[in-house]
């Protein structure tokens, strides 16, 4: 009786060909879909996405900034809506080199879970 199993090298070539065919179809679709769903950001010389807010002890919220930290102030955006000029400050309870913004969303919601994006922009 003859053994019907494929040679191991031949099996690897078949699996590799299937993987390449899948990638050849998947990659163009992934690139196309990503471009259609990209999030619009405000325009400016330096745009920093604020990723993490914490509740501030004095009310409102604070977030550490990085790219804009060499500036004294910047324009804060909620999605594409400018909220106005905001100061970039040091907090007495944090190391001197760390810089923060303090803010309250325009509708009083919690920026940690309201689904909006916040940006700090140098125009």
N, C-alpha and C. Protein backbone atom coordinates (compact mmCIF):
# COMPACT_ATOMS: atom_id res chain seq x y z
N UNK A 1 0.84 -1.16 0.00
CA UNK A 1 0.00 0.00 0.00
C UNK A 1 0.90 1.24 0.00
N UNK A 2 0.50 2.25 -0.71
CA UNK A 2 1.28 3.46 -0.90
C UNK A 2 0.92 4.51 0.16
N UNK A 3 1.91 5.21 0.70
CA UNK A 3 1.70 6.25 1.70
C UNK A 3 1.25 7.52 0.99
N UNK A 4 0.07 8.07 1.34
CA UNK A 4 -0.50 9.23 0.67
C UNK A 4 -0.10 10.56 1.30
N UNK A 5 0.70 10.57 2.34
CA UNK A 5 1.09 11.83 2.98
C UNK A 5 2.12 12.55 2.11
N UNK A 6 2.08 13.88 2.17
CA UNK A 6 3.00 14.70 1.39
C UNK A 6 4.36 14.75 2.07
N UNK A 7 5.36 14.97 1.29
CA UNK A 7 6.71 15.14 1.81
C UNK A 7 6.74 16.42 2.66
N UNK A 8 7.43 16.46 3.80
CA UNK A 8 7.43 17.63 4.69
C UNK A 8 7.83 18.93 3.99
N UNK A 9 8.80 18.91 3.11
CA UNK A 9 9.21 20.13 2.41
C UNK A 9 8.10 20.62 1.50
N UNK A 10 7.41 19.71 0.87
CA UNK A 10 6.30 20.07 -0.01
C UNK A 10 5.16 20.68 0.80
N UNK A 11 4.91 20.17 1.99
CA UNK A 11 3.88 20.73 2.86
C UNK A 11 4.22 22.16 3.25
N UNK A 12 5.49 22.40 3.56
CA UNK A 12 5.92 23.75 3.92
C UNK A 12 5.74 24.72 2.76
N UNK A 13 6.03 24.28 1.56
CA UNK A 13 5.88 25.14 0.38
C UNK A 13 4.41 25.47 0.15
N UNK A 14 3.54 24.51 0.34
CA UNK A 14 2.10 24.74 0.18
C UNK A 14 1.60 25.74 1.22
N UNK A 15 2.00 25.57 2.48
CA UNK A 15 1.58 26.49 3.54
C UNK A 15 2.12 27.89 3.26
N UNK A 16 3.36 27.99 2.83
CA UNK A 16 3.95 29.28 2.50
C UNK A 16 3.21 29.95 1.35
N UNK A 17 2.83 29.20 0.32
CA UNK A 17 2.10 29.76 -0.81
C UNK A 17 0.72 30.26 -0.38
N UNK A 18 0.05 29.52 0.47
CA UNK A 18 -1.26 29.95 0.97
C UNK A 18 -1.11 31.23 1.80
N UNK A 19 -0.09 31.28 2.65
CA UNK A 19 0.14 32.48 3.44
C UNK A 19 0.44 33.70 2.58
N UNK A 20 1.25 33.55 1.56
CA UNK A 20 1.56 34.66 0.65
C UNK A 20 0.32 35.11 -0.12
N UNK A 21 -0.50 34.16 -0.54
CA UNK A 21 -1.73 34.52 -1.26
C UNK A 21 -2.67 35.29 -0.34
N UNK A 22 -2.79 34.86 0.91
CA UNK A 22 -3.63 35.58 1.88
C UNK A 22 -3.10 36.99 2.09
N UNK A 23 -1.79 37.13 2.26
CA UNK A 23 -1.19 38.44 2.48
C UNK A 23 -1.38 39.34 1.26
N UNK A 24 -1.28 38.78 0.08
CA UNK A 24 -1.45 39.57 -1.16
C UNK A 24 -2.86 40.13 -1.27
N UNK A 25 -3.84 39.46 -0.71
CA UNK A 25 -5.21 39.95 -0.72
C UNK A 25 -5.45 40.88 0.48
N UNK A 26 -4.98 40.49 1.65
CA UNK A 26 -5.23 41.23 2.88
C UNK A 26 -4.58 42.61 2.90
N UNK A 27 -3.32 42.71 2.53
CA UNK A 27 -2.57 43.96 2.69
C UNK A 27 -3.19 45.14 1.94
N UNK A 28 -3.53 45.02 0.66
CA UNK A 28 -4.15 46.18 -0.01
C UNK A 28 -5.47 46.59 0.62
N UNK A 29 -6.25 45.63 1.08
CA UNK A 29 -7.53 45.94 1.72
C UNK A 29 -7.27 46.66 3.05
N UNK A 30 -6.30 46.20 3.83
CA UNK A 30 -5.98 46.82 5.12
C UNK A 30 -5.51 48.26 4.92
N UNK A 31 -4.70 48.52 3.92
CA UNK A 31 -4.21 49.87 3.66
C UNK A 31 -5.38 50.76 3.23
N UNK A 32 -6.24 50.27 2.38
CA UNK A 32 -7.38 51.04 1.89
C UNK A 32 -8.34 51.38 3.03
N UNK A 33 -8.65 50.42 3.89
CA UNK A 33 -9.57 50.65 4.99
C UNK A 33 -8.98 51.63 6.00
N UNK A 34 -7.72 51.51 6.29
CA UNK A 34 -7.08 52.41 7.25
C UNK A 34 -7.14 53.86 6.78
N UNK A 35 -6.95 54.10 5.52
CA UNK A 35 -6.99 55.46 5.00
C UNK A 35 -8.38 56.05 5.09
N UNK A 36 -9.40 55.25 4.95
CA UNK A 36 -10.76 55.76 5.00
C UNK A 36 -11.19 56.11 6.43
N UNK A 37 -10.59 55.50 7.42
CA UNK A 37 -11.02 55.69 8.80
C UNK A 37 -9.99 56.42 9.65
N UNK A 38 -9.08 57.14 9.03
CA UNK A 38 -8.10 57.88 9.81
C UNK A 38 -8.78 59.05 10.52
N UNK A 39 -8.27 59.41 11.67
CA UNK A 39 -8.86 60.47 12.48
C UNK A 39 -8.23 61.80 12.10
N UNK A 40 -9.07 62.77 11.82
CA UNK A 40 -8.59 64.10 11.45
C UNK A 40 -8.00 64.78 12.68
N UNK A 41 -6.87 65.44 12.48
CA UNK A 41 -6.22 66.19 13.56
C UNK A 41 -6.16 67.66 13.18
N UNK A 42 -6.12 68.53 14.16
CA UNK A 42 -5.95 69.95 13.86
C UNK A 42 -4.57 70.19 13.24
N UNK A 43 -4.45 71.28 12.53
CA UNK A 43 -3.19 71.64 11.86
C UNK A 43 -2.40 72.58 12.76
N UNK A 44 -1.09 72.45 12.71
CA UNK A 44 -0.23 73.34 13.47
C UNK A 44 1.21 72.94 13.33
N UNK A 45 2.10 73.79 13.84
CA UNK A 45 3.53 73.54 13.77
C UNK A 45 3.90 72.30 14.58
N UNK A 46 3.27 72.13 15.75
CA UNK A 46 3.51 70.99 16.62
C UNK A 46 2.18 70.55 17.19
N UNK A 47 1.78 69.30 16.89
CA UNK A 47 0.51 68.75 17.36
C UNK A 47 0.81 67.53 18.23
N UNK A 48 0.33 67.57 19.47
CA UNK A 48 0.54 66.46 20.39
C UNK A 48 -0.81 65.91 20.83
N UNK A 49 -1.01 64.63 20.68
CA UNK A 49 -2.23 63.99 21.16
C UNK A 49 -2.10 63.77 22.66
N UNK A 50 -3.10 64.22 23.41
CA UNK A 50 -3.12 64.00 24.86
C UNK A 50 -3.75 62.63 25.08
N UNK A 51 -2.97 61.70 25.58
CA UNK A 51 -3.43 60.31 25.66
C UNK A 51 -4.06 59.94 27.00
N UNK A 52 -3.62 60.56 28.07
CA UNK A 52 -4.08 60.10 29.38
C UNK A 52 -4.35 61.28 30.31
N UNK A 53 -5.55 61.32 30.81
CA UNK A 53 -5.93 62.33 31.79
C UNK A 53 -6.06 61.69 33.16
N UNK A 54 -5.82 62.49 34.19
CA UNK A 54 -6.05 62.08 35.57
C UNK A 54 -6.93 63.13 36.22
N UNK A 55 -7.73 62.72 37.19
CA UNK A 55 -8.53 63.69 37.93
C UNK A 55 -7.59 64.57 38.73
N UNK A 56 -7.82 65.86 38.70
CA UNK A 56 -6.98 66.82 39.41
C UNK A 56 -7.53 67.03 40.81
N UNK A 57 -6.64 67.24 41.77
CA UNK A 57 -7.08 67.43 43.15
C UNK A 57 -7.91 68.70 43.32
N UNK A 58 -7.68 69.70 42.48
CA UNK A 58 -8.43 70.95 42.58
C UNK A 58 -9.65 70.99 41.68
N UNK A 59 -10.07 69.87 41.16
CA UNK A 59 -11.19 69.81 40.23
C UNK A 59 -10.68 69.83 38.80
N UNK A 60 -11.45 69.33 37.90
CA UNK A 60 -11.03 69.24 36.50
C UNK A 60 -10.09 68.07 36.30
N UNK A 61 -9.28 68.14 35.26
CA UNK A 61 -8.40 67.05 34.89
C UNK A 61 -7.04 67.60 34.52
N UNK A 62 -6.01 66.76 34.65
CA UNK A 62 -4.67 67.16 34.27
C UNK A 62 -4.07 66.05 33.41
N UNK A 63 -3.13 66.45 32.56
CA UNK A 63 -2.45 65.50 31.70
C UNK A 63 -1.01 65.94 31.51
N UNK A 64 -0.12 64.97 31.49
CA UNK A 64 1.28 65.29 31.25
C UNK A 64 1.49 65.51 29.76
N UNK A 65 2.32 66.49 29.41
CA UNK A 65 2.63 66.77 28.02
C UNK A 65 4.11 66.54 27.77
N UNK A 66 4.43 66.23 26.54
CA UNK A 66 5.81 65.90 26.19
C UNK A 66 6.33 66.82 25.10
N UNK A 67 5.78 66.71 23.89
CA UNK A 67 6.28 67.46 22.75
C UNK A 67 6.15 68.96 22.90
N UNK A 68 5.13 69.43 23.57
CA UNK A 68 4.88 70.85 23.75
C UNK A 68 5.48 71.39 25.04
N UNK A 69 6.22 70.57 25.77
CA UNK A 69 6.64 70.98 27.11
C UNK A 69 7.65 72.12 27.11
N UNK A 70 8.31 72.40 26.02
CA UNK A 70 9.26 73.51 26.02
C UNK A 70 8.55 74.86 25.87
N UNK A 71 7.26 74.84 25.60
CA UNK A 71 6.47 76.06 25.46
C UNK A 71 5.76 76.38 26.77
N UNK A 72 5.39 77.63 26.94
CA UNK A 72 4.64 78.06 28.13
C UNK A 72 3.14 77.86 27.97
N UNK A 73 2.67 77.87 26.71
CA UNK A 73 1.23 77.70 26.46
C UNK A 73 1.03 77.12 25.07
N UNK A 74 -0.16 76.64 24.82
CA UNK A 74 -0.53 76.07 23.53
C UNK A 74 -2.05 76.16 23.41
N UNK A 75 -2.58 75.84 22.24
CA UNK A 75 -4.03 75.82 22.03
C UNK A 75 -4.50 74.38 22.25
N UNK A 76 -5.50 74.22 23.10
CA UNK A 76 -6.07 72.91 23.37
C UNK A 76 -7.27 72.70 22.45
N UNK A 77 -7.30 71.53 21.79
CA UNK A 77 -8.41 71.17 20.90
C UNK A 77 -9.12 69.95 21.46
N UNK A 78 -10.44 69.95 21.33
CA UNK A 78 -11.25 68.78 21.60
C UNK A 78 -11.76 68.34 20.23
N UNK A 79 -11.27 67.21 19.74
CA UNK A 79 -11.46 66.80 18.35
C UNK A 79 -10.92 67.93 17.47
N UNK A 80 -11.74 68.56 16.65
CA UNK A 80 -11.26 69.66 15.80
C UNK A 80 -11.73 71.03 16.30
N UNK A 81 -12.31 71.06 17.51
CA UNK A 81 -12.83 72.30 18.08
C UNK A 81 -11.80 72.91 19.03
N UNK A 82 -11.32 74.13 18.75
CA UNK A 82 -10.37 74.75 19.68
C UNK A 82 -11.08 75.17 20.97
N UNK A 83 -10.49 74.80 22.10
CA UNK A 83 -11.04 75.19 23.40
C UNK A 83 -10.38 76.45 23.92
N UNK A 84 -9.28 76.85 23.30
CA UNK A 84 -8.61 78.08 23.70
C UNK A 84 -7.18 77.84 24.15
N UNK A 85 -6.52 78.93 24.44
CA UNK A 85 -5.14 78.91 24.91
C UNK A 85 -5.09 78.31 26.31
N UNK A 86 -4.11 77.46 26.57
CA UNK A 86 -3.98 76.81 27.87
C UNK A 86 -2.52 76.85 28.30
N UNK A 87 -2.30 77.05 29.58
CA UNK A 87 -0.94 77.13 30.12
C UNK A 87 -0.36 75.73 30.31
N UNK A 88 0.92 75.60 30.03
CA UNK A 88 1.66 74.37 30.31
C UNK A 88 2.48 74.66 31.56
N UNK A 89 2.20 73.93 32.65
CA UNK A 89 2.75 74.29 33.96
C UNK A 89 3.49 73.12 34.60
N UNK A 90 4.25 73.45 35.62
CA UNK A 90 4.85 72.44 36.48
C UNK A 90 3.92 72.27 37.68
N UNK A 91 3.84 71.07 38.20
CA UNK A 91 3.04 70.82 39.39
C UNK A 91 3.97 70.62 40.58
N UNK A 92 3.65 71.23 41.72
CA UNK A 92 4.55 71.12 42.87
C UNK A 92 4.73 69.69 43.37
N UNK A 93 3.74 68.83 43.12
CA UNK A 93 3.82 67.46 43.61
C UNK A 93 4.57 66.52 42.66
N UNK A 94 5.02 67.03 41.53
CA UNK A 94 5.68 66.20 40.53
C UNK A 94 7.12 66.69 40.29
N UNK A 95 7.96 65.86 39.66
CA UNK A 95 9.33 66.30 39.38
C UNK A 95 9.34 67.58 38.54
N UNK A 96 10.39 68.37 38.71
CA UNK A 96 10.48 69.67 38.05
C UNK A 96 10.46 69.59 36.53
N UNK A 97 11.01 68.53 35.98
CA UNK A 97 11.09 68.42 34.52
C UNK A 97 9.76 68.02 33.87
N UNK A 98 8.79 67.57 34.65
CA UNK A 98 7.51 67.16 34.10
C UNK A 98 6.62 68.39 33.92
N UNK A 99 5.92 68.46 32.80
CA UNK A 99 5.02 69.58 32.51
C UNK A 99 3.60 69.05 32.29
N UNK A 100 2.62 69.84 32.69
CA UNK A 100 1.23 69.40 32.66
C UNK A 100 0.32 70.49 32.12
N UNK A 101 -0.87 70.06 31.68
CA UNK A 101 -1.96 70.98 31.41
C UNK A 101 -3.09 70.63 32.37
N UNK A 102 -3.88 71.61 32.73
CA UNK A 102 -5.08 71.39 33.54
C UNK A 102 -6.25 71.89 32.72
N UNK A 103 -7.33 71.10 32.67
CA UNK A 103 -8.48 71.50 31.85
C UNK A 103 -9.75 70.87 32.35
N UNK A 104 -10.86 71.41 31.85
CA UNK A 104 -12.20 70.84 32.04
C UNK A 104 -12.86 70.81 30.68
N UNK A 105 -13.44 69.67 30.26
CA UNK A 105 -14.12 69.62 28.97
C UNK A 105 -15.25 70.64 28.90
N UNK A 106 -15.59 71.07 27.71
CA UNK A 106 -16.58 72.14 27.53
C UNK A 106 -17.97 71.76 28.03
N UNK A 107 -18.28 70.45 28.04
CA UNK A 107 -19.61 70.03 28.50
C UNK A 107 -19.59 69.37 29.87
N UNK A 108 -18.44 69.42 30.56
CA UNK A 108 -18.33 68.85 31.89
C UNK A 108 -18.17 67.33 31.92
N UNK A 109 -17.99 66.69 30.77
CA UNK A 109 -17.85 65.23 30.74
C UNK A 109 -16.44 64.83 31.17
N UNK A 110 -16.24 63.56 31.39
CA UNK A 110 -14.95 63.03 31.81
C UNK A 110 -14.11 62.72 30.57
N UNK A 111 -12.96 63.40 30.36
CA UNK A 111 -12.17 63.17 29.15
C UNK A 111 -11.53 61.79 29.10
N UNK A 112 -11.55 61.08 30.21
CA UNK A 112 -10.98 59.73 30.22
C UNK A 112 -11.88 58.73 29.53
N UNK A 113 -13.17 59.06 29.38
CA UNK A 113 -14.08 58.08 28.76
C UNK A 113 -15.20 58.73 27.96
N UNK A 114 -15.03 59.96 27.47
CA UNK A 114 -16.10 60.59 26.69
C UNK A 114 -15.99 60.33 25.19
N UNK A 115 -14.94 59.60 24.76
CA UNK A 115 -14.81 59.23 23.36
C UNK A 115 -14.24 60.31 22.47
N UNK A 116 -13.81 61.41 23.03
CA UNK A 116 -13.24 62.49 22.22
C UNK A 116 -11.71 62.44 22.28
N UNK A 117 -11.11 63.07 21.29
CA UNK A 117 -9.65 63.17 21.22
C UNK A 117 -9.25 64.59 21.59
N UNK A 118 -8.15 64.71 22.34
CA UNK A 118 -7.66 66.02 22.76
C UNK A 118 -6.25 66.22 22.21
N UNK A 119 -6.01 67.42 21.71
CA UNK A 119 -4.72 67.76 21.11
C UNK A 119 -4.21 69.06 21.68
N UNK A 120 -2.91 69.15 21.83
CA UNK A 120 -2.24 70.38 22.20
C UNK A 120 -1.48 70.85 20.96
N UNK A 121 -1.75 72.07 20.51
CA UNK A 121 -1.24 72.52 19.21
C UNK A 121 -0.47 73.83 19.35
N UNK A 122 0.69 73.88 18.74
CA UNK A 122 1.43 75.12 18.55
C UNK A 122 1.12 75.59 17.13
N UNK A 123 0.37 76.69 16.97
CA UNK A 123 -0.04 77.13 15.63
C UNK A 123 1.13 77.56 14.75
